[in-house]
Protein backbone atom coordinates (compact mmCIF):
# COMPACT_ATOMS: atom_id res chain seq x y z
CA UNK A 1 40.12 -15.04 17.66
CA UNK A 2 42.01 -13.05 15.02
CA UNK A 3 43.50 -15.00 12.08
CA UNK A 4 47.22 -14.59 11.41
CA UNK A 5 48.92 -14.38 8.07
CA UNK A 6 48.99 -11.69 5.37
CA UNK A 7 46.57 -8.87 6.01
CA UNK A 8 45.80 -5.42 4.67
CA UNK A 9 48.38 -2.83 5.66
CA UNK A 10 47.31 -0.85 8.70
CA UNK A 11 47.34 2.46 6.88
CA UNK A 12 45.11 1.09 4.16
CA UNK A 13 41.86 1.11 6.17
CA UNK A 14 41.65 4.89 6.90
CA UNK A 15 42.80 5.62 3.30
CA UNK A 16 40.20 3.33 1.86
CA UNK A 17 37.46 4.60 4.24
CA UNK A 18 38.07 8.17 3.23
CA UNK A 19 38.01 7.28 -0.47
CA UNK A 20 34.76 5.41 0.00
CA UNK A 21 33.28 8.17 2.01
CA UNK A 22 34.05 10.58 -0.84
CA UNK A 23 32.48 8.29 -3.34
CA UNK A 24 29.26 7.76 -1.27
CA UNK A 25 28.88 11.47 -0.57
CA UNK A 26 29.46 12.46 -4.19
CA UNK A 27 26.92 9.86 -5.28
CA UNK A 28 24.23 11.34 -3.00
CA UNK A 29 25.16 14.88 -3.95
CA UNK A 30 24.63 14.00 -7.58
CA UNK A 31 21.33 12.25 -7.00
CA UNK A 32 19.26 15.03 -8.46
CA UNK A 33 21.43 15.16 -11.60
CA UNK A 34 21.48 11.53 -12.21
CA UNK A 35 17.81 11.29 -11.60
CA UNK A 36 17.30 12.83 -15.00
CA UNK A 37 19.82 10.82 -16.98
CA UNK A 38 18.34 7.36 -17.11
CA UNK A 39 17.96 5.30 -20.28
CA UNK A 40 14.71 4.65 -22.10
CA UNK A 41 12.27 2.39 -20.24
CA UNK A 42 9.27 0.54 -21.43
CA UNK A 43 7.07 2.02 -18.73
CA UNK A 44 4.26 0.00 -17.11
CA UNK A 45 4.68 -3.73 -17.31
CA UNK A 46 0.99 -4.03 -18.15
CA UNK A 47 0.94 -1.21 -20.67
CA UNK A 48 4.38 -0.27 -22.17
CA UNK A 49 5.01 3.34 -23.12
CA UNK A 50 4.75 2.74 -26.79
CA UNK A 51 1.29 1.24 -26.24
CA UNK A 52 0.12 3.73 -23.58
CA UNK A 53 -3.60 4.19 -23.37
CA UNK A 54 -3.92 5.10 -27.13
CA UNK A 55 -7.28 3.39 -27.10
CA UNK A 56 -8.62 5.04 -23.98
CA UNK A 57 -7.34 8.43 -22.88
CA UNK A 58 -6.69 9.54 -26.48
CA UNK A 59 -10.02 8.26 -27.49
CA UNK A 60 -11.48 10.25 -24.59
CA UNK A 61 -10.02 13.42 -25.92
CA UNK A 62 -11.11 12.74 -29.49
CA UNK A 63 -14.68 11.86 -28.38
CA UNK A 64 -14.95 14.90 -26.22
CA UNK A 65 -13.74 17.15 -28.99
CA UNK A 66 -16.40 15.67 -31.30
CA UNK A 67 -19.07 15.94 -28.75
CA UNK A 68 -19.35 12.21 -28.12
CA UNK A 69 -18.51 12.06 -24.51
CA UNK A 70 -21.10 9.30 -23.86
CA UNK A 71 -18.75 6.85 -25.60
CA UNK A 72 -16.00 7.30 -23.02
CA UNK A 73 -14.80 4.24 -21.16
CA UNK A 74 -11.23 5.06 -20.34
CA UNK A 75 -9.14 3.76 -17.43
CA UNK A 76 -6.64 6.26 -16.00
CA UNK A 77 -6.68 5.55 -12.27
CA UNK A 78 -5.73 2.26 -10.46
CA UNK A 79 -6.52 1.58 -6.88
CA UNK A 80 -4.02 -0.64 -4.99
CA UNK A 81 -5.28 -2.49 -1.99
CA UNK A 82 -3.09 -4.40 0.48
CA UNK A 83 -4.44 -7.36 2.46
CA UNK A 84 -2.10 -9.51 4.61
CA UNK A 85 0.85 -8.65 2.52
CA UNK A 86 -0.79 -9.21 -0.89
CA UNK A 87 -1.48 -6.20 -3.14
CA UNK A 88 -4.25 -6.14 -5.80
CA UNK A 89 -4.99 -3.43 -8.26
CA UNK A 90 -8.31 -2.47 -9.81
CA UNK A 91 -8.79 0.05 -12.57
CA UNK A 92 -11.22 2.94 -12.31
CA UNK A 93 -12.61 4.40 -15.57
CA UNK A 94 -13.24 8.06 -16.27
CA UNK A 95 -17.05 7.87 -16.10
CA UNK A 96 -16.72 6.41 -12.59
CA UNK A 97 -14.19 8.92 -11.29
CA UNK A 98 -15.41 12.02 -13.07
CA UNK A 99 -19.02 11.21 -14.18
CA UNK A 100 -20.06 14.72 -15.04
CA UNK A 101 -19.42 15.52 -18.78
CA UNK A 102 -19.00 19.11 -18.09
CA UNK A 103 -16.21 18.38 -15.63
CA UNK A 104 -14.54 16.06 -18.13
CA UNK A 105 -14.64 18.76 -20.71
CA UNK A 106 -13.32 21.30 -18.16
CA UNK A 107 -10.24 19.17 -17.70
CA UNK A 108 -9.61 18.82 -21.36
CA UNK A 109 -10.04 22.63 -21.92
CA UNK A 110 -7.50 23.28 -19.16
CA UNK A 111 -5.11 20.87 -20.61
CA UNK A 112 -5.47 22.52 -23.99
CA UNK A 113 -4.83 25.99 -22.51
CA UNK A 114 -1.82 24.90 -20.40
CA UNK A 115 -0.30 23.28 -23.40
CA UNK A 116 -0.21 26.58 -25.17
CA UNK A 117 -2.98 25.97 -27.61
CA UNK A 118 -5.55 28.50 -28.59
CA UNK A 119 -8.98 28.41 -26.96
CA UNK A 120 -11.85 28.52 -26.41
CA UNK A 121 -12.58 25.03 -27.80
CA UNK A 122 -16.12 24.01 -28.10
CA UNK A 123 -17.32 20.75 -26.56
CA UNK A 124 -20.78 20.20 -27.78
CA UNK A 125 -22.82 22.85 -26.07
CA UNK A 126 -20.03 23.37 -23.46
CA UNK A 127 -17.40 26.08 -23.75
CA UNK A 128 -14.48 27.02 -21.36
CA UNK A 129 -12.16 29.85 -21.55
CA UNK A 130 -8.78 29.83 -19.86
CA UNK A 131 -5.62 32.02 -20.48
CA UNK A 132 -3.31 30.42 -23.05
CA UNK A 133 0.12 29.53 -21.57
CA UNK A 134 3.20 30.95 -23.27
CA UNK A 135 5.80 29.39 -21.00
CA UNK A 136 6.25 26.81 -18.25
CA UNK A 137 5.83 29.43 -15.54
CA UNK A 138 2.59 30.75 -17.04
CA UNK A 139 1.17 27.16 -17.37
CA UNK A 140 1.88 26.68 -13.63
CA UNK A 141 0.20 29.97 -12.85
CA UNK A 142 -2.96 28.93 -14.81
CA UNK A 143 -3.06 25.64 -12.84
CA UNK A 144 -2.62 27.42 -9.53
CA UNK A 145 -5.44 29.81 -10.35
CA UNK A 146 -7.76 26.89 -11.15
CA UNK A 147 -6.81 24.51 -8.26
CA UNK A 148 -9.88 25.54 -6.16
CA UNK A 149 -12.23 25.07 -9.12
CA UNK A 150 -11.33 21.39 -9.64
CA UNK A 151 -12.15 18.27 -7.72
CA UNK A 152 -9.37 15.91 -6.71
CA UNK A 153 -10.35 13.36 -9.36
CA UNK A 154 -10.33 16.07 -11.99
CA UNK A 155 -6.76 16.94 -11.00
CA UNK A 156 -5.70 13.32 -11.21
CA UNK A 157 -7.40 13.09 -14.71
CA UNK A 158 -5.56 16.23 -15.87
CA UNK A 159 -2.25 14.80 -14.69
CA UNK A 160 -2.88 11.52 -16.47
CA UNK A 161 -3.83 13.26 -19.77
CA UNK A 162 -0.89 15.71 -19.44
CA UNK A 163 1.52 12.73 -18.96
CA UNK A 164 0.05 11.03 -22.05
CA UNK A 165 0.72 14.21 -24.08
CA UNK A 166 4.18 14.68 -22.62
CA UNK A 167 5.23 11.16 -23.28
CA UNK A 168 4.67 11.67 -26.99
CA UNK A 169 7.66 13.85 -26.91
CA UNK A 170 9.99 11.40 -25.16
CA UNK A 171 13.55 11.57 -26.48
CA UNK A 172 16.21 9.26 -24.98
CA UNK A 173 18.98 11.52 -26.35
CA UNK A 174 17.87 14.54 -24.45
CA UNK A 175 18.68 14.64 -20.72
CA UNK A 176 18.32 17.41 -18.14
CA UNK A 177 15.78 19.10 -20.41
CA UNK A 178 14.65 22.38 -18.85
CA UNK A 179 11.00 22.68 -17.81
CA UNK A 180 10.55 25.45 -20.45
CA UNK A 181 12.03 23.07 -22.97
CA UNK A 182 9.50 20.40 -22.02
CA UNK A 183 6.70 22.98 -22.30
CA UNK A 184 7.85 24.22 -25.71
CA UNK A 185 7.90 20.63 -26.97
CA UNK A 186 4.41 20.02 -25.65
CA UNK A 187 3.14 23.19 -27.29
CA UNK A 188 4.79 22.31 -30.61
CA UNK A 189 3.89 18.56 -30.55
CA UNK A 190 7.55 17.69 -31.23
CA UNK A 191 9.86 14.94 -30.10
CA UNK A 192 12.27 16.94 -27.97
CA UNK A 193 10.54 16.58 -24.64
CA UNK A 194 13.32 14.95 -22.73
CA UNK A 195 13.42 11.61 -20.90
CA UNK A 196 11.22 10.18 -18.17
CA UNK A 197 13.05 12.10 -15.41
CA UNK A 198 12.24 15.29 -17.19
CA UNK A 199 8.67 14.38 -17.91
CA UNK A 200 7.85 13.23 -14.38
CA UNK A 201 9.54 16.41 -12.97
CA UNK A 202 7.14 18.46 -15.09
CA UNK A 203 4.26 16.34 -13.72
CA UNK A 204 5.57 16.93 -10.12
CA UNK A 205 5.51 20.71 -10.72
CA UNK A 206 2.03 20.51 -12.15
CA UNK A 207 0.79 18.54 -9.27
CA UNK A 208 2.14 21.06 -6.89
CA UNK A 209 0.57 23.98 -8.83
CA UNK A 210 -2.78 22.12 -8.63
CA UNK A 211 -2.58 22.13 -4.83
CA UNK A 212 -1.53 18.44 -4.38
CA UNK A 213 1.17 18.00 -1.72
CA UNK A 214 4.53 16.22 -1.31
CA UNK A 215 5.03 15.81 -5.06
CA UNK A 216 8.43 14.39 -5.98
CA UNK A 217 10.41 11.85 -7.98
CA UNK A 218 10.48 8.13 -7.30
CA UNK A 219 13.20 5.83 -8.75
CA UNK A 220 12.84 2.22 -9.73
CA UNK A 221 14.96 -0.30 -11.66
CA UNK A 222 13.06 -1.27 -14.78
CA UNK A 223 12.39 -4.70 -16.22
CA UNK A 224 14.90 -7.49 -16.32
CA UNK A 225 17.61 -5.37 -18.03
CA UNK A 226 17.89 -3.19 -15.00
CA UNK A 227 17.27 0.12 -16.78
CA UNK A 228 16.79 3.16 -14.61
CA UNK A 229 13.36 4.72 -14.57
CA UNK A 230 11.67 7.58 -12.67
CA UNK A 231 8.10 7.94 -11.79
CA UNK A 232 6.37 10.59 -9.66
CA UNK A 233 4.48 10.61 -6.37
CA UNK A 234 2.11 13.09 -4.88
CA UNK A 235 -0.39 13.21 -1.93
CA UNK A 236 -4.04 14.04 -1.55
CA UNK A 237 -3.98 16.90 0.93
CA UNK A 238 -7.39 15.98 2.38
CA UNK A 239 -7.04 12.27 2.96
CA UNK A 240 -3.16 12.07 3.16
CA UNK A 241 -3.10 9.10 0.73
CA UNK A 242 -0.06 8.89 -1.56
CA UNK A 243 -0.39 8.31 -5.30
CA UNK A 244 2.16 7.09 -7.78
CA UNK A 245 2.12 8.37 -11.39
CA UNK A 246 3.93 6.40 -14.05
CA UNK A 247 3.22 8.42 -17.18
CA UNK A 248 -0.57 8.28 -17.73
CA UNK A 249 -1.16 5.41 -15.27
CA UNK A 250 -1.85 6.75 -11.74
CA UNK A 251 -2.02 4.50 -8.71
CA UNK A 252 -3.72 5.06 -5.45
CA UNK A 253 -1.36 3.29 -3.10
CA UNK A 254 -3.66 2.94 -0.05
CA UNK A 255 -0.68 4.37 2.06
CA UNK A 256 -0.06 7.43 4.03
CA UNK A 257 3.73 7.47 4.40
CA UNK A 258 6.31 8.01 1.74
CA UNK A 259 8.19 4.82 2.65
CA UNK A 260 5.05 2.68 2.38
CA UNK A 261 4.14 4.36 -0.98
CA UNK A 262 7.65 3.67 -2.29
CA UNK A 263 7.33 0.04 -1.32
CA UNK A 264 4.08 -0.14 -3.31
CA UNK A 265 5.74 1.68 -6.23
CA UNK A 266 8.60 -0.83 -6.43
CA UNK A 267 6.13 -3.71 -6.19
CA UNK A 268 4.01 -2.33 -8.95
CA UNK A 269 6.70 -1.17 -11.35
CA UNK A 270 9.95 -3.03 -10.55
CA UNK A 271 9.99 -5.48 -7.65
CA UNK A 272 13.67 -6.20 -8.17
CA UNK A 273 14.85 -2.73 -7.35
CA UNK A 274 17.85 -2.91 -5.04
CA UNK A 275 17.59 0.58 -3.61
CA UNK A 276 15.17 3.40 -4.50
CA UNK A 277 16.18 7.09 -4.22
CA UNK A 278 13.01 8.96 -3.33
CA UNK A 279 12.59 12.75 -3.29
CA UNK A 280 11.23 13.94 -0.04
CA UNK A 281 11.67 17.67 0.22
CA UNK A 282 12.31 19.29 -3.20
CA UNK A 283 15.80 18.33 -4.38
CA UNK A 284 16.44 16.14 -1.31
CA UNK A 285 16.66 12.39 -1.87
CA UNK A 286 16.37 9.52 0.59
CA UNK A 287 17.50 6.00 -0.09
CA UNK A 288 14.69 3.48 0.45
CA UNK A 289 15.57 -0.28 0.59
CA UNK A 290 12.54 -2.37 -0.63
CA UNK A 291 11.56 -5.31 1.54
CA UNK A 292 12.47 -7.78 -1.26
CA UNK A 293 15.90 -6.29 -1.60
CA UNK A 294 16.36 -6.52 2.22
CA UNK A 295 15.40 -10.23 2.06
CA UNK A 296 17.82 -10.99 -0.76
CA UNK A 297 20.58 -9.05 0.93
CA UNK A 298 20.01 -10.90 4.24
CA UNK A 299 20.15 -14.30 2.51
CA UNK A 300 23.37 -13.48 0.80
CA UNK A 301 24.88 -12.15 4.01
CA UNK A 302 24.07 -15.40 5.85
CA UNK A 303 25.64 -17.41 3.07
CA UNK A 304 28.91 -15.44 3.10
CA UNK A 305 29.63 -15.99 6.75
CA UNK A 306 32.87 -18.04 7.38
CA UNK A 307 32.83 -20.09 10.56
CA UNK A 308 35.21 -22.65 11.93
CA UNK A 309 33.96 -26.16 11.68
CA UNK A 310 30.96 -25.11 9.55
CA UNK A 311 29.33 -28.07 7.82
CA UNK A 312 29.64 -28.41 4.08
CA UNK A 313 25.86 -28.66 3.60
CA UNK A 314 23.10 -26.88 5.42
CA UNK A 315 19.38 -27.50 4.71
CA UNK A 316 16.42 -25.96 6.41
CA UNK A 317 12.68 -26.63 5.62
CA UNK A 318 9.62 -25.11 7.11
CA UNK A 319 5.95 -24.63 6.32
CA UNK A 320 6.48 -21.51 4.24
CA UNK A 321 10.20 -21.39 3.56
CA UNK A 322 13.22 -23.51 2.58
CA UNK A 323 16.90 -22.91 2.28
CA UNK A 324 19.89 -24.90 1.04
CA UNK A 325 23.60 -24.08 1.24
CA UNK A 326 26.54 -25.95 -0.13
CA UNK A 327 29.90 -24.42 0.76
CA UNK A 328 33.62 -25.25 0.49
CA UNK A 329 35.46 -25.69 3.76
CA UNK A 330 39.10 -25.92 4.75
CA UNK A 331 40.13 -22.30 4.59
CA UNK A 332 39.69 -19.82 7.42
CA UNK A 333 39.65 -16.76 5.11
CA UNK A 334 37.89 -17.72 1.81
CA UNK A 335 35.05 -19.94 0.79
CA UNK A 336 32.84 -20.58 -2.21
CA UNK A 337 29.06 -21.25 -1.92
CA UNK A 338 25.99 -22.30 -3.84
CA UNK A 339 22.67 -21.48 -2.27
CA UNK A 340 18.95 -21.56 -2.74
CA UNK A 341 16.30 -19.85 -0.57
CA UNK A 342 12.54 -19.43 -1.05
CA UNK A 343 9.48 -18.20 0.96
CA UNK A 344 5.89 -18.23 0.35
CA UNK A 345 3.86 -15.15 1.11
CA UNK A 346 0.25 -14.11 0.63
CA UNK A 347 0.96 -12.82 -2.86
CA UNK A 348 3.09 -15.77 -4.04
CA UNK A 349 6.46 -17.42 -3.94
CA UNK A 350 9.81 -15.46 -3.61
CA UNK A 351 12.95 -17.37 -4.51
CA UNK A 352 16.70 -16.66 -4.65
CA UNK A 353 19.46 -18.85 -6.24
CA UNK A 354 23.12 -17.68 -5.97
CA UNK A 355 26.65 -18.81 -6.53
CA UNK A 356 29.54 -16.86 -5.16
CA UNK A 357 32.77 -16.36 -3.23
CA UNK A 358 33.21 -14.67 0.11
CA UNK A 359 36.38 -13.72 2.10
CA UNK A 360 37.05 -12.47 5.55
CA UNK A 361 40.27 -11.01 6.90
CA UNK A 362 40.91 -9.95 10.60
CA UNK A 363 43.82 -8.71 12.54
CA UNK A 364 44.67 -7.00 15.84
CA UNK A 365 47.73 -5.02 17.01
CA UNK A 366 48.66 -3.65 20.42
CA UNK A 367 50.88 -0.78 21.73
CA UNK A 368 51.33 1.08 18.47
CA UNK A 369 53.05 4.49 17.99
CA UNK A 370 55.22 4.03 21.12
CA UNK A 371 52.19 3.08 23.15
CA UNK A 372 49.95 5.99 22.07
CA UNK A 373 47.42 3.48 20.72
CA UNK A 374 46.75 0.70 23.07
CA UNK A 375 44.94 -1.54 20.56
CA UNK A 376 44.05 -1.44 16.86
CA UNK A 377 41.75 -4.05 15.14
CA UNK A 378 40.38 -4.23 11.66
CA UNK A 379 38.21 -6.61 9.61
CA UNK A 380 37.54 -6.71 5.92
CA UNK A 381 34.76 -8.85 4.31
CA UNK A 382 34.01 -9.07 0.63
CA UNK A 383 31.57 -11.06 -1.54
CA UNK A 384 30.73 -11.38 -5.17
CA UNK A 385 28.90 -13.73 -7.47
CA UNK A 386 25.74 -14.22 -9.58
CA UNK A 387 22.13 -14.41 -8.43
CA UNK A 388 18.77 -15.27 -9.93
CA UNK A 389 15.72 -13.76 -8.23
CA UNK A 390 12.04 -14.50 -8.86
CA UNK A 391 9.24 -12.52 -7.20
CA UNK A 392 5.43 -12.21 -7.77
CA UNK A 393 4.10 -9.45 -9.87
CA UNK A 394 1.04 -7.49 -8.70
CA UNK A 395 -2.34 -8.96 -9.78
CA UNK A 396 -4.12 -6.36 -11.93
CA UNK A 397 -7.92 -6.18 -12.54
CA UNK A 398 -8.41 -9.76 -11.42
CA UNK A 399 -5.66 -11.25 -13.66
CA UNK A 400 -3.63 -14.17 -12.19
CA UNK A 401 -0.34 -13.03 -10.63
CA UNK A 402 2.79 -13.93 -12.59
CA UNK A 403 6.41 -14.03 -11.49
CA UNK A 404 9.02 -11.43 -12.43
CA UNK A 405 12.51 -12.90 -12.72
CA UNK A 406 15.92 -11.34 -13.11
CA UNK A 407 19.49 -12.72 -13.40
CA UNK A 408 22.26 -10.40 -12.28
CA UNK A 409 25.55 -10.02 -10.36
CA UNK A 410 26.00 -9.15 -6.74
CA UNK A 411 28.99 -7.79 -4.89
CA UNK A 412 29.55 -6.28 -1.42
CA UNK A 413 32.14 -5.28 1.13
CA UNK A 414 32.22 -4.47 4.84
CA UNK A 415 35.21 -2.73 6.41
CA UNK A 416 35.49 -2.29 10.14
CA UNK A 417 38.17 -0.74 12.28
CA UNK A 418 38.64 0.20 15.93
CA UNK A 419 41.39 2.06 17.83
CA UNK A 420 41.55 2.20 21.64
CA UNK A 421 43.44 4.84 23.65
CA UNK A 422 43.24 4.33 27.31
CA UNK A 423 39.51 3.80 28.05
CA UNK A 424 38.08 5.34 24.78
CA UNK A 425 37.55 3.22 21.68
CA UNK A 426 36.77 4.81 18.37
CA UNK A 427 35.07 2.80 15.57
CA UNK A 428 34.62 3.26 11.87
CA UNK A 429 32.63 0.94 9.62
CA UNK A 430 31.97 1.32 5.92
CA UNK A 431 29.82 -1.14 4.03
CA UNK A 432 28.10 -1.36 0.61
CA UNK A 433 26.49 -3.95 -1.60
CA UNK A 434 24.52 -4.32 -4.85
CA UNK A 435 22.19 -7.22 -5.55
CA UNK A 436 21.28 -6.18 -9.06
CA UNK A 437 24.52 -4.99 -10.75
CA UNK A 438 23.69 -3.72 -14.25
CA UNK A 439 25.87 -2.95 -17.28
CA UNK A 440 24.13 0.37 -17.19
CA UNK A 441 26.24 2.56 -15.00
CA UNK A 442 23.61 5.07 -14.15
CA UNK A 443 21.22 2.34 -12.92
CA UNK A 444 23.91 0.61 -10.86
CA UNK A 445 25.27 3.76 -9.14
CA UNK A 446 21.89 5.41 -8.66
CA UNK A 447 19.66 2.68 -7.67
CA UNK A 448 21.50 -0.53 -7.00
CA UNK A 449 24.19 0.26 -4.43
CA UNK A 450 23.20 0.13 -0.74
CA UNK A 451 25.85 1.91 1.42
CA UNK A 452 26.34 2.73 5.02
CA UNK A 453 28.90 4.55 7.16
CA UNK A 454 29.06 4.24 10.90
CA UNK A 455 31.33 6.32 13.05
CA UNK A 456 31.32 6.12 16.86
CA UNK A 457 33.25 6.29 20.09
CA UNK A 458 32.79 4.37 23.35
CA UNK A 459 34.07 5.09 26.85
CA UNK A 460 34.50 2.23 29.33
CA UNK A 461 35.53 3.06 32.86
CA UNK A 462 38.13 0.60 34.11
CA UNK A 463 36.96 -1.86 36.73
CA UNK A 464 38.92 -1.42 39.91
CA UNK A 465 36.67 -2.99 42.58
CA UNK A 466 36.06 -6.69 41.86
CA UNK A 467 33.51 -8.50 43.97
């Protein structure tokens, strides 16, 4: 049944739908630009940017330059393994991945040359000569020329050490830095190297030049402050496995699809990401909704439903999940609610607490515009409130898993409208929600809002022959 009373004007729905369509389309069109305008992040939760591998990869470089490669014990690669929904991560040091000293030195010499530094550089008894890069394009050309002379692990080691050098030039006040600008800063050892989007875009270009495939940008929401952050993904062309690069830390995801790799990336770097724009083809972004975000959104959707004769309290308990809902009753259009939901998975406990308000308006009209439109219906739902989410972090190198918690705001809407003319019914639905609204506008617009538009038509032949 449709409720009576004050409702939205009939002309408001198409106007609002068109406006929302413009907002959604412009947001997606600007994805590549916004991808390089995020704020400073603190990088890996286990090794923040300002503490990045200064005692391992930098030590590796210094030791090789001094002919002391036998002292190396640096971790640059992490292998993620999934078992029954639980993900564990183990580090791989350089000696295990690239055990040959000559091959380690070859990587460092290549890094030196593609950074615009004079060579040859002597590594004990080993000497390598590469052309010296003078620009971003020449650096990429040098890498392309050497891609068949390097093993896969050498390429990964190169990207890790390149990222370590690039991150030294991080500057939160420089956005959309050109690739030549990033290169010039790398060559000069300055602090004008752009932000994480610029740095990881440079890494993606380098990965492609080295013969690695499907390199692109991966978005995550960072830490409890919801800051935006971009990492990079690429693929081993032989095995098809995806890798995630977060500055100098590179993760083998044990996955072979971009969606699965993005799920691992959000679990590793920011498990409370509401929506993750991911670069598929160069410059083309797809919106991926992580599983945790889908679970939180589903719980909030269930809590906001307004039903006649709904009980004030609902409680459900099972072996691995519980839920509790307290809601106001007495109004057919608006209600307030307090809820808790949790579930236990192989990797730990997920929990959600929320307090909010939801509203639902419906109406139907018949014989409009002198009978041109036989029936018109519309429904508008809105919700808003505050939530607190706690999810397990990934266990690393055998350390006990801890929980990652975040308090934020949520909001959502769902607008539906149908119009029937004779036997044809047209339908338009526009919806959107954010479960991790942030005071940072770029973070909220780019990675928090989940939006959908559905347009359709249905033909139903009238029934004339009843049994």
